[in-house]
Amino acid sequence: MALRITGMTQDAPVDRPPLGLRHWPTWLGIGAMAALARLPWPVQRGLGRALGAVLRGLLSSRRRVAERNLELCFPELDAAARTALLREHFAAIGIGLFEFARAWWGSVAPLRRGLVVEGLEHMEAARAKGRGVIVVSGHFTTLEICGRLMCDYVPLAGMYRAHAEPAMEWAVKHGRLRYAQAMFTKQELRPAVKHLKQGGLLWYAPDQDPSRGDTVFVPFFGRPANSLSSTHQLARLSGAAVVAFQHLRRPDGGYTLRVLPVLDGIPSSDAITDTAQVMAAIETMARAAPDQYLWIHRRFKRQPDGTSLYEVV
């Protein structure tokens, strides 16, 4: 395992927080989240599971989307098994909300105990050849906390979708810049490519059905899924290697961070081939921790023939 390294983050931006009256409700919510981020970790885990049960009852439309996704992706499971998986999924969401708050505004010291980190040599080998590295993950409930934990070991930058609410955007970006080397919005393609060309690491999750951007249909759990081809584009423009970053919360309460070997052949001349390889890697990671993948997203909302797989929900 590589030595832990610190002092890698970029200087926090000097932009002023939006303090207008219309932002006050958001700031109250941020303050509450920041306070909850300081609760003892065992208390947060217990509260998170309870919160997940509440959300499962309250968010009926999202629950139905998750039920439909589990039906589509795990046809081999019977109804009882899918119901149990759905229950654990919402528990993971509840815990994940506390993990997000702790990553942005709390201490991760308790979460470092029992941490397992594997595969850093795959990043190091690519960087030794002068290449940047695109670190691909999926939308898992552990995404934020495990990103922060990985920043103890490598200088990750991130690409993300900016929050529509300015106060939340300011607070979350500043929280992330406590540990990430840099943060790029999805519109900041040029600086992201420059970062990769300079040998940087760029982490992002391209696995949701987007409302805009260049997309292709590739298999995901055996079904066509409209998927961003941005990994292919970023690799083609920067010459960066691509690795998959698996992160999961183990049954014993610890975390495993695993960097998988470089995805061979990316970039090729074919965006569909490259994107299919990326989605296959994310599917493998989702099968390894099915309760922690974000099933409440309508992953199959666009189909090649124009039909919807969610007409029943």
C-alpha atoms as a PDB file:
ATOM      1  CA  MET A   1       0.000   0.000   0.000  1.00  0.00           C
ATOM      2  CA  ALA A   2       1.276   3.437  -0.844  1.00  0.00           C
ATOM      3  CA  LEU A   3       2.056   5.865   1.932  1.00  0.00           C
ATOM      4  CA  ARG A   4      -0.652   8.303   2.846  1.00  0.00           C
ATOM      5  CA  ILE A   5       0.042  11.717   1.325  1.00  0.00           C
ATOM      6  CA  THR A   6      -1.331  15.042   2.410  1.00  0.00           C
ATOM      7  CA  GLY A   7      -1.184  18.639   1.307  1.00  0.00           C
ATOM      8  CA  MET A   8      -2.387  17.858  -2.215  1.00  0.00           C
ATOM      9  CA  THR A   9      -5.543  19.906  -2.462  1.00  0.00           C
ATOM     10  CA  GLN A  10      -5.755  23.061  -4.467  1.00  0.00           C
ATOM     11  CA  ASP A  11      -6.235  26.327  -2.615  1.00  0.00           C
ATOM     12  CA  ALA A  12      -9.894  26.917  -1.808  1.00  0.00           C
ATOM     13  CA  PRO A  13     -11.495  29.364  -4.239  1.00  0.00           C
ATOM     14  CA  VAL A  14     -11.861  32.914  -3.022  1.00  0.00           C
ATOM     15  CA  ASP A  15     -15.402  33.367  -4.345  1.00  0.00           C
ATOM     16  CA  ARG A  16     -17.800  34.641  -1.732  1.00  0.00           C
ATOM     17  CA  PRO A  17     -20.711  32.487  -0.543  1.00  0.00           C
ATOM     18  CA  PRO A  18     -24.198  33.558  -1.695  1.00  0.00           C
ATOM     19  CA  LEU A  19     -25.816  35.059   1.408  1.00  0.00           C
ATOM     20  CA  GLY A  20     -28.992  36.608  -0.012  1.00  0.00           C
ATOM     21  CA  LEU A  21     -32.249  36.094   1.825  1.00  0.00           C
ATOM     22  CA  ARG A  22     -33.513  33.528  -0.684  1.00  0.00           C
ATOM     23  CA  HIS A  23     -30.544  31.280   0.192  1.00  0.00           C
ATOM     24  CA  TRP A  24     -31.188  31.236   3.945  1.00  0.00           C
ATOM     25  CA  PRO A  25     -33.340  28.061   3.931  1.00  0.00           C
ATOM     26  CA  THR A  26     -30.537  26.248   2.108  1.00  0.00           C
ATOM     27  CA  TRP A  27     -27.954  27.514   4.598  1.00  0.00           C
ATOM     28  CA  LEU A  28     -30.126  26.274   7.466  1.00  0.00           C
ATOM     29  CA  GLY A  29     -30.173  22.853   5.850  1.00  0.00           C
ATOM     30  CA  ILE A  30     -26.419  22.937   5.298  1.00  0.00           C
ATOM     31  CA  GLY A  31     -25.904  23.914   8.930  1.00  0.00           C
ATOM     32  CA  ALA A  32     -28.033  20.991  10.064  1.00  0.00           C
ATOM     33  CA  MET A  33     -26.081  18.593   7.846  1.00  0.00           C
ATOM     34  CA  ALA A  34     -22.762  19.961   9.109  1.00  0.00           C
ATOM     35  CA  ALA A  35     -23.929  19.456  12.708  1.00  0.00           C
ATOM     36  CA  LEU A  36     -25.083  15.905  11.997  1.00  0.00           C
ATOM     37  CA  ALA A  37     -21.712  15.224  10.323  1.00  0.00           C
ATOM     38  CA  ARG A  38     -20.098  15.534  13.757  1.00  0.00           C
ATOM     39  CA  LEU A  39     -22.148  12.857  15.485  1.00  0.00           C
ATOM     40  CA  PRO A  40     -20.259   9.689  16.502  1.00  0.00           C
ATOM     41  CA  TRP A  41     -19.972   7.319  13.582  1.00  0.00           C
ATOM     42  CA  PRO A  42     -21.850   4.388  15.209  1.00  0.00           C
ATOM     43  CA  VAL A  43     -24.743   6.767  15.926  1.00  0.00           C
ATOM     44  CA  GLN A  44     -24.744   7.947  12.313  1.00  0.00           C
ATOM     45  CA  ARG A  45     -24.876   4.388  11.021  1.00  0.00           C
ATOM     46  CA  GLY A  46     -27.859   3.585  13.212  1.00  0.00           C
ATOM     47  CA  LEU A  47     -29.642   6.797  12.304  1.00  0.00           C
ATOM     48  CA  GLY A  48     -28.835   6.184   8.646  1.00  0.00           C
ATOM     49  CA  ARG A  49     -30.538   2.795   8.607  1.00  0.00           C
ATOM     50  CA  ALA A  50     -33.579   4.292  10.333  1.00  0.00           C
ATOM     51  CA  LEU A  51     -33.626   7.203   7.882  1.00  0.00           C
ATOM     52  CA  GLY A  52     -33.465   4.743   4.992  1.00  0.00           C
ATOM     53  CA  ALA A  53     -36.565   2.963   6.279  1.00  0.00           C
ATOM     54  CA  VAL A  54     -38.398   6.292   6.513  1.00  0.00           C
ATOM     55  CA  LEU A  55     -37.335   7.275   2.986  1.00  0.00           C
ATOM     56  CA  ARG A  56     -38.487   3.919   1.651  1.00  0.00           C
ATOM     57  CA  GLY A  57     -41.960   4.765   2.916  1.00  0.00           C
ATOM     58  CA  LEU A  58     -41.997   8.428   1.927  1.00  0.00           C
ATOM     59  CA  LEU A  59     -40.382   8.320  -1.517  1.00  0.00           C
ATOM     60  CA  SER A  60     -42.949   6.091  -3.161  1.00  0.00           C
ATOM     61  CA  SER A  61     -42.092   7.039  -6.756  1.00  0.00           C
ATOM     62  CA  ARG A  62     -38.374   6.445  -6.193  1.00  0.00           C
ATOM     63  CA  ARG A  63     -39.141   3.172  -4.418  1.00  0.00           C
ATOM     64  CA  ARG A  64     -41.137   1.999  -7.435  1.00  0.00           C
ATOM     65  CA  VAL A  65     -38.257   2.944  -9.758  1.00  0.00           C
ATOM     66  CA  ALA A  66     -35.858   0.915  -7.591  1.00  0.00           C
ATOM     67  CA  GLU A  67     -38.286  -2.027  -7.548  1.00  0.00           C
ATOM     68  CA  ARG A  68     -38.514  -1.924 -11.337  1.00  0.00           C
ATOM     69  CA  ASN A  69     -34.729  -1.711 -11.728  1.00  0.00           C
ATOM     70  CA  LEU A  70     -34.188  -4.702  -9.456  1.00  0.00           C
ATOM     71  CA  GLU A  71     -36.806  -6.628 -11.416  1.00  0.00           C
ATOM     72  CA  LEU A  72     -35.071  -5.781 -14.705  1.00  0.00           C
ATOM     73  CA  CYS A  73     -31.512  -6.380 -13.524  1.00  0.00           C
ATOM     74  CA  PHE A  74     -31.959  -9.396 -11.233  1.00  0.00           C
ATOM     75  CA  PRO A  75     -34.641 -11.572 -12.866  1.00  0.00           C
ATOM     76  CA  GLU A  76     -33.044 -14.606 -11.220  1.00  0.00           C
ATOM     77  CA  LEU A  77     -34.115 -13.369  -7.772  1.00  0.00           C
ATOM     78  CA  ASP A  78     -37.573 -14.169  -6.459  1.00  0.00           C
ATOM     79  CA  ALA A  79     -39.881 -11.473  -5.098  1.00  0.00           C
ATOM     80  CA  ALA A  80     -38.835 -12.031  -1.479  1.00  0.00           C
ATOM     81  CA  ALA A  81     -35.141 -11.699  -2.322  1.00  0.00           C
ATOM     82  CA  ARG A  82     -35.741  -8.511  -4.296  1.00  0.00           C
ATOM     83  CA  THR A  83     -37.774  -7.057  -1.429  1.00  0.00           C
ATOM     84  CA  ALA A  84     -34.932  -7.792   0.988  1.00  0.00           C
ATOM     85  CA  LEU A  85     -32.453  -6.203  -1.421  1.00  0.00           C
ATOM     86  CA  LEU A  86     -34.685  -3.142  -1.748  1.00  0.00           C
ATOM     87  CA  ARG A  87     -34.804  -2.787   2.034  1.00  0.00           C
ATOM     88  CA  GLU A  88     -31.008  -2.968   2.269  1.00  0.00           C
ATOM     89  CA  HIS A  89     -30.693  -0.510  -0.592  1.00  0.00           C
ATOM     90  CA  PHE A  90     -32.663   2.161   1.238  1.00  0.00           C
ATOM     91  CA  ALA A  91     -30.656   1.465   4.394  1.00  0.00           C
ATOM     92  CA  ALA A  92     -27.522   2.063   2.313  1.00  0.00           C
ATOM     93  CA  ILE A  93     -29.000   5.324   1.020  1.00  0.00           C
ATOM     94  CA  GLY A  94     -29.694   6.494   4.576  1.00  0.00           C
ATOM     95  CA  ILE A  95     -26.171   5.667   5.725  1.00  0.00           C
ATOM     96  CA  GLY A  96     -24.827   7.236   2.535  1.00  0.00           C
ATOM     97  CA  LEU A  97     -26.440  10.573   3.348  1.00  0.00           C
ATOM     98  CA  PHE A  98     -24.486  10.694   6.602  1.00  0.00           C
ATOM     99  CA  GLU A  99     -21.354   9.630   4.727  1.00  0.00           C
ATOM    100  CA  PHE A 100     -21.773  12.510   2.286  1.00  0.00           C
ATOM    101  CA  ALA A 101     -22.114  15.012   5.139  1.00  0.00           C
ATOM    102  CA  ARG A 102     -19.104  13.560   6.967  1.00  0.00           C
ATOM    103  CA  ALA A 103     -16.994  13.645   3.803  1.00  0.00           C
ATOM    104  CA  TRP A 104     -17.774  17.314   3.182  1.00  0.00           C
ATOM    105  CA  TRP A 105     -17.820  18.735   6.706  1.00  0.00           C
ATOM    106  CA  GLY A 106     -16.776  16.093   9.242  1.00  0.00           C
ATOM    107  CA  SER A 107     -13.855  13.879  10.199  1.00  0.00           C
ATOM    108  CA  VAL A 108     -13.157  10.567   8.475  1.00  0.00           C
ATOM    109  CA  ALA A 109     -10.697   9.373  11.118  1.00  0.00           C
ATOM    110  CA  PRO A 110     -13.101   6.672  12.449  1.00  0.00           C
ATOM    111  CA  LEU A 111     -13.620   5.361   8.926  1.00  0.00           C
ATOM    112  CA  ARG A 112      -9.908   4.883   8.316  1.00  0.00           C
ATOM    113  CA  ARG A 113      -9.842   2.056  10.838  1.00  0.00           C
ATOM    114  CA  GLY A 114     -10.142  -1.225   8.977  1.00  0.00           C
ATOM    115  CA  LEU A 115      -9.768   0.465   5.602  1.00  0.00           C
ATOM    116  CA  VAL A 116      -8.522  -1.829   2.812  1.00  0.00           C
ATOM    117  CA  VAL A 117      -6.868  -0.205  -0.211  1.00  0.00           C
ATOM    118  CA  GLU A 118      -5.822  -2.311  -3.193  1.00  0.00           C
ATOM    119  CA  GLY A 119      -4.552  -1.772  -6.724  1.00  0.00           C
ATOM    120  CA  LEU A 120      -2.851   1.623  -6.431  1.00  0.00           C
ATOM    121  CA  GLU A 121      -0.039   0.182  -8.532  1.00  0.00           C
ATOM    122  CA  HIS A 122      -2.298   0.332 -11.608  1.00  0.00           C
ATOM    123  CA  MET A 123      -2.526   4.115 -11.316  1.00  0.00           C
ATOM    124  CA  GLU A 124       1.156   4.428 -10.531  1.00  0.00           C
ATOM    125  CA  ALA A 125       2.192   2.355 -13.559  1.00  0.00           C
ATOM    126  CA  ALA A 126       0.181   4.544 -15.922  1.00  0.00           C
ATOM    127  CA  ARG A 127       1.528   7.750 -14.401  1.00  0.00           C
ATOM    128  CA  ALA A 128       5.086   6.398 -14.590  1.00  0.00           C
ATOM    129  CA  LYS A 129       4.596   6.333 -18.359  1.00  0.00           C
ATOM    130  CA  GLY A 130       3.647   9.995 -18.323  1.00  0.00           C
ATOM    131  CA  ARG A 131      -0.076   9.366 -18.736  1.00  0.00           C
ATOM    132  CA  GLY A 132      -2.948  10.861 -16.827  1.00  0.00           C
ATOM    133  CA  VAL A 133      -5.564   8.481 -15.454  1.00  0.00           C
ATOM    134  CA  ILE A 134      -9.348   8.618 -15.794  1.00  0.00           C
ATOM    135  CA  VAL A 135     -10.699   6.956 -12.650  1.00  0.00           C
ATOM    136  CA  VAL A 136     -14.166   5.640 -13.490  1.00  0.00           C
ATOM    137  CA  SER A 137     -16.685   4.771 -10.825  1.00  0.00           C
ATOM    138  CA  GLY A 138     -20.451   4.437 -10.623  1.00  0.00           C
ATOM    139  CA  HIS A 139     -23.188   6.130  -8.640  1.00  0.00           C
ATOM    140  CA  PHE A 140     -22.906   4.151  -5.421  1.00  0.00           C
ATOM    141  CA  THR A 141     -24.061   5.356  -2.032  1.00  0.00           C
ATOM    142  CA  THR A 142     -20.411   5.172  -0.895  1.00  0.00           C
ATOM    143  CA  LEU A 143     -19.215   7.428  -3.715  1.00  0.00           C
ATOM    144  CA  GLU A 144     -18.357  10.539  -1.699  1.00  0.00           C
ATOM    145  CA  ILE A 145     -16.907   9.029   1.459  1.00  0.00           C
ATOM    146  CA  CYS A 146     -14.739   6.576  -0.451  1.00  0.00           C
ATOM    147  CA  GLY A 147     -13.545   9.348  -2.755  1.00  0.00           C
ATOM    148  CA  ARG A 148     -12.400  11.268   0.279  1.00  0.00           C
ATOM    149  CA  LEU A 149     -10.695   8.201   1.750  1.00  0.00           C
ATOM    150  CA  MET A 150      -8.887   7.553  -1.544  1.00  0.00           C
ATOM    151  CA  CYS A 151      -7.579  11.130  -1.475  1.00  0.00           C
ATOM    152  CA  ASP A 152      -5.437  10.081   1.497  1.00  0.00           C
ATOM    153  CA  TYR A 153      -3.385   8.044  -0.977  1.00  0.00           C
ATOM    154  CA  VAL A 154      -3.534   9.698  -4.391  1.00  0.00           C
ATOM    155  CA  PRO A 155      -4.217  13.264  -5.615  1.00  0.00           C
ATOM    156  CA  LEU A 156      -7.662  12.813  -7.111  1.00  0.00           C
ATOM    157  CA  ALA A 157      -9.489  15.561  -8.944  1.00  0.00           C
ATOM    158  CA  GLY A 158     -13.187  15.175  -9.650  1.00  0.00           C
ATOM    159  CA  MET A 159     -15.664  15.964 -12.378  1.00  0.00           C
ATOM    160  CA  TYR A 160     -19.219  16.625 -11.265  1.00  0.00           C
ATOM    161  CA  ARG A 161     -22.594  18.160 -12.073  1.00  0.00           C
ATOM    162  CA  ALA A 162     -22.960  21.535 -10.392  1.00  0.00           C
ATOM    163  CA  HIS A 163     -25.834  22.030  -7.957  1.00  0.00           C
ATOM    164  CA  ALA A 164     -28.610  24.292  -9.195  1.00  0.00           C
ATOM    165  CA  GLU A 165     -28.872  25.981  -5.768  1.00  0.00           C
ATOM    166  CA  PRO A 166     -25.897  28.392  -5.466  1.00  0.00           C
ATOM    167  CA  ALA A 167     -25.531  28.062  -1.681  1.00  0.00           C
ATOM    168  CA  MET A 168     -25.396  24.263  -1.866  1.00  0.00           C
ATOM    169  CA  GLU A 169     -22.979  24.432  -4.795  1.00  0.00           C
ATOM    170  CA  TRP A 170     -20.666  26.766  -2.851  1.00  0.00           C
ATOM    171  CA  ALA A 171     -20.772  24.681   0.339  1.00  0.00           C
ATOM    172  CA  VAL A 172     -20.294  21.320  -1.370  1.00  0.00           C
ATOM    173  CA  LYS A 173     -17.493  22.537  -3.638  1.00  0.00           C
ATOM    174  CA  HIS A 174     -15.622  24.029  -0.706  1.00  0.00           C
ATOM    175  CA  GLY A 175     -16.199  20.859   1.265  1.00  0.00           C
ATOM    176  CA  ARG A 176     -14.784  18.736  -1.542  1.00  0.00           C
ATOM    177  CA  LEU A 177     -11.764  20.984  -1.981  1.00  0.00           C
ATOM    178  CA  ARG A 178     -10.736  20.062   1.546  1.00  0.00           C
ATOM    179  CA  TYR A 179      -9.493  16.783   0.081  1.00  0.00           C
ATOM    180  CA  ALA A 180      -9.751  16.760  -3.746  1.00  0.00           C
ATOM    181  CA  GLN A 181      -6.938  18.269  -5.786  1.00  0.00           C
ATOM    182  CA  ALA A 182      -9.410  20.093  -8.025  1.00  0.00           C
ATOM    183  CA  MET A 183     -13.059  20.004  -9.029  1.00  0.00           C
ATOM    184  CA  PHE A 184     -14.288  20.476 -12.607  1.00  0.00           C
ATOM    185  CA  THR A 185     -17.895  20.820 -13.650  1.00  0.00           C
ATOM    186  CA  LYS A 186     -18.993  18.744 -16.619  1.00  0.00           C
ATOM    187  CA  GLN A 187     -18.886  21.907 -18.724  1.00  0.00           C
ATOM    188  CA  GLU A 188     -15.200  22.512 -17.908  1.00  0.00           C
ATOM    189  CA  LEU A 189     -13.879  20.055 -20.475  1.00  0.00           C
ATOM    190  CA  ARG A 190     -10.787  22.024 -21.506  1.00  0.00           C
ATOM    191  CA  PRO A 191      -9.257  22.362 -17.997  1.00  0.00           C
ATOM    192  CA  ALA A 192     -10.132  18.724 -17.260  1.00  0.00           C
ATOM    193  CA  VAL A 193      -8.283  17.569 -20.385  1.00  0.00           C
ATOM    194  CA  LYS A 194      -5.341  19.806 -19.473  1.00  0.00           C
ATOM    195  CA  HIS A 195      -5.260  18.238 -16.019  1.00  0.00           C
ATOM    196  CA  LEU A 196      -5.090  14.762 -17.580  1.00  0.00           C
ATOM    197  CA  LYS A 197      -2.416  15.776 -20.075  1.00  0.00           C
ATOM    198  CA  GLN A 198      -0.298  16.948 -17.160  1.00  0.00           C
ATOM    199  CA  GLY A 199      -0.453  13.464 -15.630  1.00  0.00           C
ATOM    200  CA  GLY A 200      -3.348  14.129 -13.263  1.00  0.00           C
ATOM    201  CA  LEU A 201      -6.007  11.770 -11.964  1.00  0.00           C
ATOM    202  CA  LEU A 202      -9.631  12.570 -12.805  1.00  0.00           C
ATOM    203  CA  TRP A 203     -12.437  10.701 -11.085  1.00  0.00           C
ATOM    204  CA  TYR A 204     -16.028  10.707 -12.254  1.00  0.00           C
ATOM    205  CA  ALA A 205     -19.097   8.518 -12.676  1.00  0.00           C
ATOM    206  CA  PRO A 206     -20.545   8.286 -16.235  1.00  0.00           C
ATOM    207  CA  ASP A 207     -23.213   5.669 -15.555  1.00  0.00           C
ATOM    208  CA  GLN A 208     -26.496   7.604 -15.478  1.00  0.00           C
ATOM    209  CA  ASP A 209     -28.871   8.274 -18.370  1.00  0.00           C
ATOM    210  CA  PRO A 210     -28.091  11.946 -19.050  1.00  0.00           C
ATOM    211  CA  SER A 211     -30.404  14.684 -20.262  1.00  0.00           C
ATOM    212  CA  ARG A 212     -27.686  16.044 -22.554  1.00  0.00           C
ATOM    213  CA  GLY A 213     -24.265  15.168 -23.924  1.00  0.00           C
ATOM    214  CA  ASP A 214     -22.950  12.630 -26.429  1.00  0.00           C
ATOM    215  CA  THR A 215     -24.447   9.240 -25.693  1.00  0.00           C
ATOM    216  CA  VAL A 216     -24.595   5.733 -27.122  1.00  0.00           C
ATOM    217  CA  PHE A 217     -26.657   2.663 -26.269  1.00  0.00           C
ATOM    218  CA  VAL A 218     -24.621  -0.150 -24.727  1.00  0.00           C
ATOM    219  CA  PRO A 219     -25.554  -3.194 -22.613  1.00  0.00           C
ATOM    220  CA  PHE A 220     -26.018  -2.786 -18.865  1.00  0.00           C
ATOM    221  CA  PHE A 221     -27.331  -5.793 -16.964  1.00  0.00           C
ATOM    222  CA  GLY A 222     -28.274  -7.265 -20.325  1.00  0.00           C
ATOM    223  CA  ARG A 223     -30.432  -4.325 -21.452  1.00  0.00           C
ATOM    224  CA  PRO A 224     -29.720  -1.321 -23.697  1.00  0.00           C
ATOM    225  CA  ALA A 225     -28.756   1.677 -21.566  1.00  0.00           C
ATOM    226  CA  ASN A 226     -28.276   5.190 -22.876  1.00  0.00           C
ATOM    227  CA  SER A 227     -24.754   6.031 -21.705  1.00  0.00           C
ATOM    228  CA  LEU A 228     -22.358   8.945 -21.870  1.00  0.00           C
ATOM    229  CA  SER A 229     -19.457   8.369 -24.252  1.00  0.00           C
ATOM    230  CA  SER A 230     -17.376  10.939 -22.349  1.00  0.00           C
ATOM    231  CA  THR A 231     -14.786   8.408 -21.141  1.00  0.00           C
ATOM    232  CA  HIS A 232     -13.933   7.659 -24.760  1.00  0.00           C
ATOM    233  CA  GLN A 233     -13.809  11.372 -25.580  1.00  0.00           C
ATOM    234  CA  LEU A 234     -11.661  12.317 -22.575  1.00  0.00           C
ATOM    235  CA  ALA A 235      -9.225   9.477 -23.238  1.00  0.00           C
ATOM    236  CA  ARG A 236      -9.002  10.353 -26.932  1.00  0.00           C
ATOM    237  CA  LEU A 237      -8.338  14.042 -26.239  1.00  0.00           C
ATOM    238  CA  SER A 238      -5.852  13.520 -23.397  1.00  0.00           C
ATOM    239  CA  GLY A 239      -4.162  10.178 -24.041  1.00  0.00           C
ATOM    240  CA  ALA A 240      -5.063   9.145 -20.493  1.00  0.00           C
ATOM    241  CA  ALA A 241      -5.369   5.585 -19.275  1.00  0.00           C
ATOM    242  CA  VAL A 242      -8.707   4.410 -17.840  1.00  0.00           C
ATOM    243  CA  VAL A 243      -9.110   2.408 -14.641  1.00  0.00           C
ATOM    244  CA  ALA A 244     -12.224   1.375 -12.723  1.00  0.00           C
ATOM    245  CA  PHE A 245     -12.472   2.349  -9.047  1.00  0.00           C
ATOM    246  CA  GLN A 246     -14.461  -0.111  -6.962  1.00  0.00           C
ATOM    247  CA  HIS A 247     -15.544   1.079  -3.521  1.00  0.00           C
ATOM    248  CA  LEU A 248     -17.861  -0.594  -1.087  1.00  0.00           C
ATOM    249  CA  ARG A 249     -18.996  -0.701   2.524  1.00  0.00           C
ATOM    250  CA  ARG A 250     -18.264  -4.152   3.900  1.00  0.00           C
ATOM    251  CA  PRO A 251     -20.608  -6.109   6.208  1.00  0.00           C
ATOM    252  CA  ASP A 252     -18.147  -5.582   9.082  1.00  0.00           C
ATOM    253  CA  GLY A 253     -18.611  -1.810   8.747  1.00  0.00           C
ATOM    254  CA  GLY A 254     -15.243  -1.165   7.111  1.00  0.00           C
ATOM    255  CA  TYR A 255     -14.544   0.042   3.576  1.00  0.00           C
ATOM    256  CA  THR A 256     -12.680  -1.440   0.654  1.00  0.00           C
ATOM    257  CA  LEU A 257     -11.167   0.752  -2.066  1.00  0.00           C
ATOM    258  CA  ARG A 258      -9.969  -1.204  -5.066  1.00  0.00           C
ATOM    259  CA  VAL A 259      -8.400   0.145  -8.264  1.00  0.00           C
ATOM    260  CA  LEU A 260      -8.806  -2.390 -11.055  1.00  0.00           C
ATOM    261  CA  PRO A 261      -6.297  -2.928 -13.891  1.00  0.00           C
ATOM    262  CA  VAL A 262      -6.223  -0.501 -16.813  1.00  0.00           C
ATOM    263  CA  LEU A 263      -9.064  -1.062 -19.266  1.00  0.00           C
ATOM    264  CA  ASP A 264      -7.176  -2.190 -22.345  1.00  0.00           C
ATOM    265  CA  GLY A 265      -7.784  -0.610 -25.720  1.00  0.00           C
ATOM    266  CA  ILE A 266      -9.287   2.682 -24.544  1.00  0.00           C
ATOM    267  CA  PRO A 267      -9.299   4.923 -26.450  1.00  0.00           C
ATOM    268  CA  SER A 268     -10.147   2.967 -29.554  1.00  0.00           C
ATOM    269  CA  SER A 269     -11.646   4.447 -32.697  1.00  0.00           C
ATOM    270  CA  ASP A 270     -15.132   3.371 -31.608  1.00  0.00           C
ATOM    271  CA  ALA A 271     -17.047   5.216 -28.879  1.00  0.00           C
ATOM    272  CA  ILE A 272     -19.541   2.366 -28.554  1.00  0.00           C
ATOM    273  CA  THR A 273     -16.854  -0.249 -27.898  1.00  0.00           C
ATOM    274  CA  ASP A 274     -15.123   1.923 -25.302  1.00  0.00           C
ATOM    275  CA  THR A 275     -18.353   2.880 -23.552  1.00  0.00           C
ATOM    276  CA  ALA A 276     -19.504  -0.749 -23.450  1.00  0.00           C
ATOM    277  CA  GLN A 277     -16.265  -1.694 -21.733  1.00  0.00           C
ATOM    278  CA  VAL A 278     -16.727   1.035 -19.128  1.00  0.00           C
ATOM    279  CA  MET A 279     -20.351   0.055 -18.452  1.00  0.00           C
ATOM    280  CA  ALA A 280     -19.370  -3.608 -18.146  1.00  0.00           C
ATOM    281  CA  ALA A 281     -16.847  -2.664 -15.459  1.00  0.00           C
ATOM    282  CA  ILE A 282     -19.481  -0.663 -13.567  1.00  0.00           C
ATOM    283  CA  GLU A 283     -21.957  -3.539 -13.839  1.00  0.00           C
ATOM    284  CA  THR A 284     -19.382  -5.887 -12.320  1.00  0.00           C
ATOM    285  CA  MET A 285     -18.905  -3.484  -9.414  1.00  0.00           C
ATOM    286  CA  ALA A 286     -22.670  -3.136  -8.946  1.00  0.00           C
ATOM    287  CA  ARG A 287     -23.079  -6.916  -8.804  1.00  0.00           C
ATOM    288  CA  ALA A 288     -20.404  -7.038  -6.089  1.00  0.00           C
ATOM    289  CA  ALA A 289     -22.366  -4.592  -3.880  1.00  0.00           C
ATOM    290  CA  PRO A 290     -25.937  -4.591  -5.222  1.00  0.00           C
ATOM    291  CA  ASP A 291     -27.429  -2.913  -2.164  1.00  0.00           C
ATOM    292  CA  GLN A 292     -25.107   0.082  -2.590  1.00  0.00           C
ATOM    293  CA  TYR A 293     -25.714   0.906  -6.260  1.00  0.00           C
ATOM    294  CA  LEU A 294     -28.154   3.781  -6.847  1.00  0.00           C
ATOM    295  CA  TRP A 295     -31.228   1.923  -8.097  1.00  0.00           C
ATOM    296  CA  ILE A 296     -33.574   4.883  -7.549  1.00  0.00           C
ATOM    297  CA  HIS A 297     -32.287   6.409 -10.821  1.00  0.00           C
ATOM    298  CA  ARG A 298     -34.218   5.625 -14.034  1.00  0.00           C
ATOM    299  CA  ARG A 299     -31.226   4.028 -15.714  1.00  0.00           C
ATOM    300  CA  PHE A 300     -33.256   2.629 -18.635  1.00  0.00           C
ATOM    301  CA  LYS A 301     -35.583   5.576 -19.203  1.00  0.00           C
ATOM    302  CA  ARG A 302     -34.540   5.873 -22.865  1.00  0.00           C
ATOM    303  CA  GLN A 303     -34.677   2.819 -25.108  1.00  0.00           C
ATOM    304  CA  PRO A 304     -33.537   2.572 -28.744  1.00  0.00           C
ATOM    305  CA  ASP A 305     -37.102   2.044 -29.988  1.00  0.00           C
ATOM    306  CA  GLY A 306     -38.466   4.984 -27.995  1.00  0.00           C
ATOM    307  CA  THR A 307     -40.351   2.883 -25.468  1.00  0.00           C
ATOM    308  CA  SER A 308     -40.058   3.238 -21.693  1.00  0.00           C
ATOM    309  CA  LEU A 309     -39.290   0.479 -19.229  1.00  0.00           C
ATOM    310  CA  TYR A 310     -40.886   2.553 -16.485  1.00  0.00           C
ATOM    311  CA  GLU A 311     -44.423   2.901 -17.820  1.00  0.00           C
ATOM    312  CA  VAL A 312     -45.585   0.651 -15.024  1.00  0.00           C
ATOM    313  CA  VAL A 313     -44.228   2.896 -12.245  1.00  0.00           C
END
